[in-house]
Amino acid sequence: MGMQEISGWGRFPRRFARVAAPHGEAALRAAAGGGGAVARGNGRAYGDSAIGSAATIEMRRFNRILAFDSSSGRLVAEAGVLLSDIIDVFLPRGWFPYVTPGTKFVTLGGAIAADAHGKNHHCEGSFGAFVDWIDVLGADGSVTRASPASNSRLFEWTLGGMGLTGIILRAAIRLRPVESAWISQKTLPAANLDAALAAFETAREATYSAAWIDCLASGDSLGRSLLMLGEHARAADLPPAQRAAPLQAPLRRKRRVLWNAPSALLNRCTVKAFNALYWRQGLRRAGESLVDWDSFFYPLDAVLGWNRIYGRRGFVQFQCVLPTQSARAGLVALLSETSAAGQGSFLAVLKQFGRGRGGLSFPMPGYTLALDFPATVRALALLDRLDAITLEHGGRFYLAKDARMAAASLHRSDPRAARFQAMRRKEGLDTAFASAQSERLLL
């Protein structure tokens, strides 16, 4: 175990931490045995949730696929397996994850710990809805298998618990049968927020839906958006060229950002110009099209190291969910504040959520807005104001994206946080498993 400077994907904040990369359960127990440990998957949580207060346990060596049942789609794998590994192995056989976040470079354990959501939450729920069981290394070094039917309390608190209930060793999840590696996509321009929300409601039957939103637009154009809907394409509906090998799609050319971009590159003028260009291109793309799975689910994965475009200081993401009844008013206030501040995000995403679940899982019925900003003093001050607006409208915040929220904001937004804190104290988990985030947020 050695000292390293590490961060989340946002590269803010950076902290020196003791890092271990054990191989095998015995070494894992020894590395975590001193307390203050947290598991770290592929480092794609944006903030400080995967930085241990005393020990950061790298899990990428636990990367074996253990079993697969082709009759049910049940996959058993270790926690360090990447979603990209799963897709590479099983998509050619006609299987795909039921739920996926916006990057495939997350581990199975990380997706469970964050209870990751995707573009289909409104109709199919979060990642945890398709987890059959998990094996969790506890504070005493024993391994407990938890499922909705057995040790259900541990199961629910682990989904969305950000690694604070123990270290996930392996899991059984269900994959979706698919006929092709292609997505039938429909792009719907929405001139403003009201049009976007109406389009979401009209498209509730679509399996996948997400909107890029221009957060610098104002006036009658406030919240103008491009809503993308998607369905897994049937093999019979593919053009002849794709129908010959329906489960194969062309590999996208990967680009890599090798250097930190100048801090002045992202400013109101450049972001406004980008948003205007993206909107015009979206108008030209409006209608139906056929796109490969990688482009539809993971557009940013085509640019390796894209987090460097925010410069050496890194970036922060604001992501909240607003309940259905107050979503419109809350989104108007959030977008108006962002537009007036002139610190727009060109990575701004709006999605619709359906029924949530227990534990600390983030989603609830309503709309979620995600905005990225360079980690500047002005941006951090803006995010404090966005927090306040979210609280005023009954919203809550996504821990997997958080890097700077105040503990009072979390606990005011989500009464479950106090229950989670009490459970951890009662069971001795607060000393065994702790992260920079859990200390900051008093979890």
Protein backbone atom coordinates (compact mmCIF):
# COMPACT_ATOMS: atom_id res chain seq x y z
CA MET A 1 0.00 0.00 0.00
CA GLY A 2 1.51 3.31 -1.07
CA MET A 3 0.62 6.98 -1.11
CA GLN A 4 -0.73 8.40 -4.37
CA GLU A 5 -2.46 11.58 -5.48
CA ILE A 6 -5.84 10.52 -6.81
CA SER A 7 -9.14 12.08 -7.81
CA GLY A 8 -12.41 11.15 -9.41
CA TRP A 9 -13.18 11.58 -13.09
CA GLY A 10 -13.73 15.30 -12.60
CA ARG A 11 -10.12 15.62 -11.37
CA PHE A 12 -11.44 17.77 -8.52
CA PRO A 13 -10.70 17.56 -5.68
CA ARG A 14 -7.30 15.85 -5.65
CA ARG A 15 -6.13 14.13 -2.51
CA PHE A 16 -3.17 12.08 -1.38
CA ALA A 17 -4.37 8.69 -0.23
CA ARG A 18 -3.03 5.26 0.61
CA VAL A 19 -3.86 2.98 -2.28
CA ALA A 20 -3.76 -0.81 -2.39
CA ALA A 21 -4.46 -3.12 -5.34
CA PRO A 22 -4.95 -6.54 -3.70
CA HIS A 23 -5.17 -9.76 -5.61
CA GLY A 24 -7.45 -12.29 -3.93
CA GLU A 25 -9.78 -12.09 -0.96
CA ALA A 26 -7.12 -12.67 1.69
CA ALA A 27 -5.09 -9.71 0.49
CA LEU A 28 -8.29 -7.66 0.21
CA ARG A 29 -9.18 -8.36 3.83
CA ALA A 30 -5.70 -7.35 4.95
CA ALA A 31 -5.79 -4.12 2.94
CA ALA A 32 -9.20 -3.12 4.31
CA GLY A 33 -8.65 -4.39 7.82
CA GLY A 34 -7.31 -1.19 9.30
CA GLY A 35 -10.58 0.69 8.81
CA GLY A 36 -11.41 3.83 6.87
CA ALA A 37 -11.44 1.87 3.60
CA VAL A 38 -13.48 2.28 0.46
CA ALA A 39 -13.47 0.32 -2.80
CA ARG A 40 -12.49 2.04 -6.03
CA GLY A 41 -13.55 0.63 -9.39
CA ASN A 42 -12.37 2.40 -12.53
CA GLY A 43 -12.38 5.90 -11.01
CA ARG A 44 -15.39 7.14 -12.97
CA ALA A 45 -17.32 8.60 -10.05
CA TYR A 46 -16.83 12.32 -10.60
CA GLY A 47 -15.87 13.49 -7.11
CA ASP A 48 -14.33 12.04 -3.94
CA SER A 49 -16.60 9.06 -3.25
CA ALA A 50 -13.91 6.51 -4.21
CA ILE A 51 -11.09 8.03 -2.16
CA GLY A 52 -10.76 6.22 1.16
CA SER A 53 -10.25 8.18 4.33
CA ALA A 54 -7.47 5.75 5.30
CA ALA A 55 -7.28 3.13 2.52
CA THR A 56 -8.42 3.17 -1.11
CA ILE A 57 -8.87 -0.38 -2.39
CA GLU A 58 -8.41 -0.75 -6.15
CA MET A 59 -10.76 -3.50 -7.39
CA ARG A 60 -9.74 -3.86 -11.03
CA ARG A 61 -7.89 -7.12 -10.33
CA PHE A 62 -11.21 -8.70 -9.39
CA ASN A 63 -12.18 -8.87 -13.04
CA ARG A 64 -13.34 -12.40 -13.83
CA ILE A 65 -16.58 -13.35 -15.52
CA LEU A 66 -17.64 -16.41 -13.52
CA ALA A 67 -20.81 -17.84 -15.04
CA PHE A 68 -23.59 -17.17 -17.53
CA ASP A 69 -26.99 -18.79 -17.98
CA SER A 70 -28.12 -18.35 -21.58
CA SER A 71 -31.67 -19.41 -20.75
CA SER A 72 -32.24 -16.55 -18.28
CA GLY A 73 -29.53 -14.04 -19.18
CA ARG A 74 -28.08 -14.20 -15.66
CA LEU A 75 -24.42 -13.22 -15.49
CA VAL A 76 -22.20 -13.78 -12.44
CA ALA A 77 -19.04 -11.68 -12.38
CA GLU A 78 -16.55 -10.10 -10.02
CA ALA A 79 -16.96 -6.47 -9.06
CA GLY A 80 -14.00 -5.20 -11.09
CA VAL A 81 -15.39 -6.31 -14.44
CA LEU A 82 -16.11 -3.32 -16.69
CA LEU A 83 -19.42 -2.89 -18.50
CA SER A 84 -17.32 -2.65 -21.66
CA ASP A 85 -15.96 -6.15 -20.91
CA ILE A 86 -19.50 -7.47 -20.54
CA ILE A 87 -20.63 -5.87 -23.80
CA ASP A 88 -17.57 -7.11 -25.69
CA VAL A 89 -18.24 -10.70 -24.62
CA PHE A 90 -22.03 -10.87 -24.68
CA LEU A 91 -23.34 -8.48 -27.33
CA PRO A 92 -22.04 -10.74 -30.13
CA ARG A 93 -24.13 -13.48 -28.45
CA GLY A 94 -27.26 -11.31 -28.39
CA TRP A 95 -27.19 -9.83 -24.85
CA PHE A 96 -26.83 -6.29 -23.53
CA PRO A 97 -27.03 -4.65 -20.06
CA TYR A 98 -30.56 -3.73 -19.07
CA VAL A 99 -29.34 -0.43 -17.61
CA THR A 100 -26.20 1.48 -18.44
CA PRO A 101 -24.90 4.91 -17.45
CA GLY A 102 -23.37 7.29 -19.99
CA THR A 103 -20.00 5.52 -20.02
CA LYS A 104 -19.20 1.84 -20.46
CA PHE A 105 -15.92 2.26 -18.56
CA VAL A 106 -17.47 1.68 -15.14
CA THR A 107 -17.09 -1.46 -13.08
CA LEU A 108 -19.91 -3.76 -12.09
CA GLY A 109 -19.28 -2.92 -8.44
CA GLY A 110 -19.32 0.79 -9.16
CA ALA A 111 -22.60 0.58 -11.07
CA ILE A 112 -24.16 -1.20 -8.09
CA ALA A 113 -22.65 1.12 -5.46
CA ALA A 114 -24.04 4.13 -7.34
CA ASP A 115 -27.23 2.32 -8.41
CA ALA A 116 -26.50 3.74 -11.83
CA HIS A 117 -29.33 4.92 -14.05
CA GLY A 118 -29.58 5.33 -17.79
CA LYS A 119 -31.88 6.63 -20.46
CA ASN A 120 -34.57 4.07 -19.60
CA HIS A 121 -35.22 4.78 -15.92
CA HIS A 122 -38.70 6.13 -16.62
CA CYS A 123 -39.87 2.68 -17.72
CA GLU A 124 -37.33 0.12 -16.46
CA GLY A 125 -35.68 1.54 -13.36
CA SER A 126 -32.08 1.69 -12.21
CA PHE A 127 -29.21 -0.80 -12.34
CA GLY A 128 -30.30 -2.41 -9.08
CA ALA A 129 -33.59 -3.53 -10.59
CA PHE A 130 -31.62 -6.16 -12.52
CA VAL A 131 -29.27 -7.30 -9.75
CA ASP A 132 -30.22 -10.70 -8.33
CA TRP A 133 -27.64 -10.86 -5.53
CA ILE A 134 -24.38 -9.38 -4.32
CA ASP A 135 -21.54 -10.70 -2.16
CA VAL A 136 -20.35 -8.03 0.27
CA LEU A 137 -17.21 -8.07 2.44
CA GLY A 138 -18.25 -6.65 5.80
CA ALA A 139 -16.54 -4.90 8.68
CA ASP A 140 -15.60 -8.18 10.37
CA GLY A 141 -14.05 -9.64 7.22
CA SER A 142 -16.90 -12.06 6.54
CA VAL A 143 -18.70 -12.22 3.21
CA THR A 144 -22.51 -11.92 3.14
CA ARG A 145 -24.68 -12.74 0.15
CA ALA A 146 -27.53 -10.25 -0.04
CA SER A 147 -30.55 -10.20 -2.31
CA PRO A 148 -34.09 -8.81 -2.31
CA ALA A 149 -35.20 -11.97 -0.46
CA SER A 150 -32.22 -12.60 1.84
CA ASN A 151 -30.33 -9.97 3.85
CA SER A 152 -32.54 -7.50 2.02
CA ARG A 153 -31.63 -4.55 4.25
CA LEU A 154 -27.96 -4.87 3.32
CA PHE A 155 -28.95 -5.31 -0.32
CA GLU A 156 -31.00 -2.10 -0.42
CA TRP A 157 -28.49 0.05 1.48
CA THR A 158 -25.66 -1.18 -0.76
CA LEU A 159 -27.52 -0.04 -3.90
CA GLY A 160 -26.62 3.64 -4.01
CA GLY A 161 -24.60 3.35 -0.78
CA MET A 162 -21.37 4.43 -2.49
CA GLY A 163 -19.32 1.59 -1.02
CA LEU A 164 -20.12 2.52 2.59
CA THR A 165 -21.82 -0.77 3.55
CA GLY A 166 -18.82 -2.92 2.64
CA ILE A 167 -16.81 -4.01 -0.38
CA ILE A 168 -18.78 -5.60 -3.21
CA LEU A 169 -16.91 -8.71 -4.36
CA ARG A 170 -19.18 -10.16 -7.02
CA ALA A 171 -22.75 -10.03 -8.23
CA ALA A 172 -25.37 -11.74 -10.33
CA ILE A 173 -27.11 -9.47 -12.83
CA ARG A 174 -29.54 -10.03 -15.67
CA LEU A 175 -28.80 -9.08 -19.28
CA ARG A 176 -31.33 -8.12 -21.94
CA PRO A 177 -31.75 -10.24 -25.08
CA VAL A 178 -31.27 -8.15 -28.22
CA GLU A 179 -31.46 -8.99 -31.91
CA SER A 180 -28.95 -6.46 -33.13
CA ALA A 181 -26.18 -4.05 -32.18
CA TRP A 182 -28.16 -1.14 -33.62
CA ILE A 183 -30.55 1.42 -32.16
CA SER A 184 -33.52 2.94 -33.96
CA GLN A 185 -33.19 6.58 -32.94
CA LYS A 186 -35.63 9.45 -33.30
CA THR A 187 -34.44 13.03 -32.75
CA LEU A 188 -37.08 15.58 -31.73
CA PRO A 189 -36.13 19.28 -31.49
CA ALA A 190 -37.91 21.19 -28.72
CA ALA A 191 -37.93 24.98 -29.00
CA ASN A 192 -38.05 25.55 -25.23
CA LEU A 193 -38.43 23.79 -21.89
CA ASP A 194 -42.21 23.44 -22.09
CA ALA A 195 -41.91 21.79 -25.49
CA ALA A 196 -39.21 19.48 -24.16
CA LEU A 197 -41.25 18.38 -21.15
CA ALA A 198 -44.30 17.82 -23.35
CA ALA A 199 -42.18 15.70 -25.71
CA PHE A 200 -40.92 13.58 -22.80
CA GLU A 201 -44.47 12.98 -21.61
CA THR A 202 -45.66 12.06 -25.10
CA ALA A 203 -42.74 9.64 -25.47
CA ARG A 204 -43.17 7.81 -22.15
CA GLU A 205 -43.55 4.50 -24.00
CA ALA A 206 -40.12 4.84 -25.61
CA THR A 207 -37.55 2.53 -24.01
CA TYR A 208 -34.80 5.14 -24.07
CA SER A 209 -35.10 8.91 -23.88
CA ALA A 210 -32.67 11.71 -23.03
CA ALA A 211 -32.28 15.30 -24.10
CA TRP A 212 -29.31 17.55 -24.70
CA ILE A 213 -30.35 20.92 -23.34
CA ASP A 214 -28.94 24.35 -24.19
CA CYS A 215 -28.40 25.82 -20.74
CA LEU A 216 -27.34 29.24 -22.09
CA ALA A 217 -30.55 29.82 -24.03
CA SER A 218 -32.86 32.39 -22.45
CA GLY A 219 -36.18 34.13 -22.98
CA ASP A 220 -38.62 32.24 -25.17
CA SER A 221 -35.83 29.73 -25.97
CA LEU A 222 -35.05 28.86 -22.34
CA GLY A 223 -34.44 25.13 -22.17
CA ARG A 224 -34.42 24.47 -25.90
CA SER A 225 -33.48 20.83 -26.35
CA LEU A 226 -32.87 17.93 -28.64
CA LEU A 227 -34.72 14.87 -27.36
CA MET A 228 -33.28 11.55 -28.51
CA LEU A 229 -35.51 8.47 -28.32
CA GLY A 230 -34.28 4.95 -28.92
CA GLU A 231 -35.26 1.31 -29.30
CA HIS A 232 -33.15 -1.79 -29.86
CA ALA A 233 -33.53 -2.49 -33.55
CA ARG A 234 -34.92 -5.84 -34.65
CA ALA A 235 -32.76 -7.79 -37.07
CA ALA A 236 -35.58 -8.00 -39.59
CA ASP A 237 -35.87 -4.20 -39.67
CA LEU A 238 -32.21 -3.56 -40.50
CA PRO A 239 -31.04 -2.55 -43.97
CA PRO A 240 -29.54 -5.45 -45.97
CA ALA A 241 -25.93 -4.46 -45.22
CA GLN A 242 -26.49 -4.63 -41.46
CA ARG A 243 -28.92 -7.56 -41.58
CA ALA A 244 -26.16 -9.89 -42.74
CA ALA A 245 -24.40 -9.55 -39.35
CA PRO A 246 -26.91 -7.85 -37.06
CA LEU A 247 -24.89 -8.18 -33.86
CA GLN A 248 -21.84 -6.48 -35.33
CA ALA A 249 -21.47 -2.72 -35.58
CA PRO A 250 -18.52 -0.75 -36.92
CA LEU A 251 -15.97 0.22 -34.31
CA ARG A 252 -15.80 3.93 -33.75
CA ARG A 253 -12.47 5.63 -34.19
CA LYS A 254 -11.23 6.69 -30.77
CA ARG A 255 -9.64 10.07 -30.19
CA ARG A 256 -7.56 10.93 -27.16
CA VAL A 257 -7.07 14.20 -25.31
CA LEU A 258 -3.42 14.09 -24.27
CA TRP A 259 -2.97 17.50 -22.66
CA ASN A 260 -4.92 19.74 -20.34
CA ALA A 261 -6.79 22.32 -22.38
CA PRO A 262 -6.12 26.00 -21.61
CA SER A 263 -8.40 27.14 -18.80
CA ALA A 264 -9.72 30.00 -20.93
CA LEU A 265 -10.96 27.66 -23.66
CA LEU A 266 -14.35 27.09 -22.02
CA ASN A 267 -16.07 30.43 -21.57
CA ARG A 268 -19.48 31.91 -22.27
CA CYS A 269 -18.61 32.71 -25.88
CA THR A 270 -17.18 29.30 -26.79
CA VAL A 271 -19.92 27.36 -25.03
CA LYS A 272 -22.62 29.54 -26.58
CA ALA A 273 -21.10 29.01 -30.03
CA PHE A 274 -20.91 25.26 -29.45
CA ASN A 275 -24.51 25.12 -28.26
CA ALA A 276 -25.73 27.09 -31.25
CA LEU A 277 -23.85 24.80 -33.64
CA TYR A 278 -25.11 21.65 -31.88
CA TRP A 279 -28.69 22.95 -32.04
CA ARG A 280 -28.44 23.65 -35.78
CA GLN A 281 -26.94 20.22 -36.42
CA GLY A 282 -29.72 18.67 -34.35
CA LEU A 283 -32.33 20.37 -36.50
CA ARG A 284 -30.73 18.80 -39.56
CA ARG A 285 -30.66 15.38 -37.88
CA ALA A 286 -34.30 15.55 -36.79
CA GLY A 287 -36.32 12.45 -37.54
CA GLU A 288 -35.49 8.76 -37.55
CA SER A 289 -32.09 7.19 -38.05
CA LEU A 290 -30.17 4.01 -37.33
CA VAL A 291 -27.16 4.36 -35.05
CA ASP A 292 -24.77 1.85 -33.54
CA TRP A 293 -25.04 0.99 -29.84
CA ASP A 294 -21.75 2.68 -28.93
CA SER A 295 -22.71 6.03 -30.45
CA PHE A 296 -26.17 6.00 -28.87
CA PHE A 297 -25.26 5.03 -25.32
CA TYR A 298 -21.68 6.29 -25.00
CA PRO A 299 -20.98 9.32 -27.22
CA LEU A 300 -18.29 10.68 -24.90
CA ASP A 301 -16.40 7.39 -24.74
CA ALA A 302 -15.19 8.09 -28.28
CA VAL A 303 -12.94 10.78 -26.80
CA LEU A 304 -10.56 9.13 -24.36
CA GLY A 305 -9.49 11.48 -21.58
CA TRP A 306 -12.23 14.00 -22.42
CA ASN A 307 -12.10 15.26 -18.83
CA ARG A 308 -8.88 17.09 -19.77
CA ILE A 309 -10.81 19.61 -21.87
CA TYR A 310 -11.69 21.41 -18.63
CA GLY A 311 -8.06 22.18 -17.93
CA ARG A 312 -5.72 21.41 -15.08
CA ARG A 313 -8.17 22.47 -12.37
CA GLY A 314 -10.69 19.84 -13.42
CA PHE A 315 -14.46 20.11 -13.47
CA VAL A 316 -17.49 19.56 -11.29
CA GLN A 317 -20.89 18.23 -12.19
CA PHE A 318 -24.19 19.32 -10.74
CA GLN A 319 -26.89 16.67 -10.96
CA CYS A 320 -30.21 16.83 -9.20
CA VAL A 321 -33.61 15.22 -9.56
CA LEU A 322 -36.77 17.29 -9.12
CA PRO A 323 -40.10 15.65 -8.25
CA THR A 324 -42.73 15.65 -10.98
CA GLN A 325 -45.00 18.22 -9.37
CA SER A 326 -42.29 20.87 -9.02
CA ALA A 327 -40.01 19.85 -11.90
CA ARG A 328 -41.01 22.57 -14.35
CA ALA A 329 -40.68 25.42 -11.88
CA GLY A 330 -37.40 24.03 -10.57
CA LEU A 331 -35.93 23.55 -14.04
CA VAL A 332 -36.91 27.09 -15.04
CA ALA A 333 -35.16 28.45 -11.96
CA LEU A 334 -32.04 26.30 -12.46
CA LEU A 335 -31.69 27.12 -16.15
CA SER A 336 -32.41 30.81 -15.61
CA GLU A 337 -29.73 31.02 -12.91
CA THR A 338 -27.22 29.17 -15.10
CA SER A 339 -27.96 31.29 -18.15
CA ALA A 340 -27.72 34.54 -16.17
CA ALA A 341 -24.40 33.45 -14.65
CA GLY A 342 -22.97 32.95 -18.14
CA GLN A 343 -21.24 29.74 -17.12
CA GLY A 344 -23.07 27.40 -19.40
CA SER A 345 -22.26 23.74 -19.75
CA PHE A 346 -22.03 22.14 -23.15
CA LEU A 347 -22.57 18.75 -21.48
CA ALA A 348 -26.10 19.39 -20.22
CA VAL A 349 -28.50 16.45 -20.08
CA LEU A 350 -32.16 16.18 -19.10
CA LYS A 351 -33.77 12.79 -18.41
CA GLN A 352 -37.07 11.54 -17.04
CA PHE A 353 -37.19 9.25 -14.03
CA GLY A 354 -39.79 6.72 -13.01
CA ARG A 355 -40.38 5.02 -9.68
CA GLY A 356 -37.39 5.07 -7.33
CA ARG A 357 -36.26 2.48 -4.82
CA GLY A 358 -35.04 2.38 -1.20
CA GLY A 359 -31.59 2.74 0.28
CA LEU A 360 -29.75 5.82 -0.94
CA SER A 361 -30.65 5.26 -4.59
CA PHE A 362 -30.77 8.64 -6.31
CA PRO A 363 -33.77 8.51 -8.70
CA MET A 364 -37.35 9.40 -7.86
CA PRO A 365 -40.29 10.19 -10.18
CA GLY A 366 -39.53 13.45 -11.96
CA TYR A 367 -36.75 14.95 -14.06
CA THR A 368 -33.00 14.94 -13.59
CA LEU A 369 -30.71 17.67 -14.89
CA ALA A 370 -26.93 17.26 -15.17
CA LEU A 371 -24.58 20.19 -15.84
CA ASP A 372 -20.76 20.24 -16.05
CA PHE A 373 -18.63 23.27 -15.16
CA PRO A 374 -14.90 23.97 -14.91
CA ALA A 375 -13.86 23.89 -11.25
CA THR A 376 -13.50 27.65 -10.77
CA VAL A 377 -14.42 29.83 -7.83
CA ARG A 378 -17.30 31.37 -9.81
CA ALA A 379 -18.64 27.97 -10.86
CA LEU A 380 -18.51 26.61 -7.31
CA ALA A 381 -20.46 29.66 -6.11
CA LEU A 382 -23.03 29.04 -8.86
CA LEU A 383 -23.41 25.42 -7.77
CA ASP A 384 -24.19 26.56 -4.23
CA ARG A 385 -27.04 28.63 -5.68
CA LEU A 386 -28.22 25.67 -7.76
CA ASP A 387 -28.22 23.55 -4.59
CA ALA A 388 -30.47 26.10 -2.90
CA ILE A 389 -32.90 26.12 -5.84
CA THR A 390 -33.03 22.32 -5.80
CA LEU A 391 -33.84 22.31 -2.09
CA GLU A 392 -36.57 24.91 -2.58
CA HIS A 393 -38.26 22.60 -5.09
CA GLY A 394 -37.98 19.36 -3.12
CA GLY A 395 -35.15 17.84 -5.13
CA ARG A 396 -32.14 15.76 -4.19
CA PHE A 397 -28.60 15.15 -5.40
CA TYR A 398 -26.59 12.34 -7.03
CA LEU A 399 -23.69 11.22 -4.85
CA ALA A 400 -21.81 9.61 -7.75
CA LYS A 401 -21.42 13.05 -9.34
CA ASP A 402 -20.89 15.10 -6.17
CA ALA A 403 -17.52 16.65 -5.32
CA ARG A 404 -18.37 19.70 -3.20
CA MET A 405 -21.86 19.65 -1.71
CA ALA A 406 -22.34 20.68 1.93
CA ALA A 407 -23.53 18.05 4.39
CA ALA A 408 -26.48 20.24 5.37
CA SER A 409 -27.70 20.27 1.76
CA LEU A 410 -27.62 16.50 1.49
CA HIS A 411 -29.38 15.90 4.80
CA ARG A 412 -32.02 18.54 4.11
CA SER A 413 -32.73 17.09 0.67
CA ASP A 414 -32.87 13.44 1.67
CA PRO A 415 -34.09 12.18 5.09
CA ARG A 416 -32.68 8.76 4.19
CA ALA A 417 -29.17 10.12 4.76
CA ALA A 418 -29.72 10.37 8.53
CA ARG A 419 -31.09 6.81 8.62
CA PHE A 420 -28.10 5.60 6.61
CA GLN A 421 -25.73 7.38 9.01
CA ALA A 422 -27.47 5.81 12.04
CA MET A 423 -27.37 2.33 10.48
CA ARG A 424 -23.63 2.65 9.77
CA ARG A 425 -22.91 3.72 13.35
CA LYS A 426 -25.02 0.95 14.86
CA GLU A 427 -23.31 -1.76 12.79
CA GLY A 428 -19.76 -0.40 13.06
CA LEU A 429 -19.56 0.39 9.37
CA ASP A 430 -18.72 4.06 9.91
CA THR A 431 -15.19 3.24 11.12
CA ALA A 432 -14.61 0.27 8.81
CA PHE A 433 -15.65 1.96 5.56
CA ALA A 434 -15.23 5.68 4.98
CA SER A 435 -14.46 7.94 2.04
CA ALA A 436 -13.54 11.57 1.63
CA GLN A 437 -17.14 12.09 0.54
CA SER A 438 -18.68 10.27 3.50
CA GLU A 439 -16.62 12.39 5.91
CA ARG A 440 -17.56 15.60 4.11
CA LEU A 441 -21.27 14.70 4.03
CA LEU A 442 -21.43 13.23 7.53
CA LEU A 443 -22.50 9.78 6.38
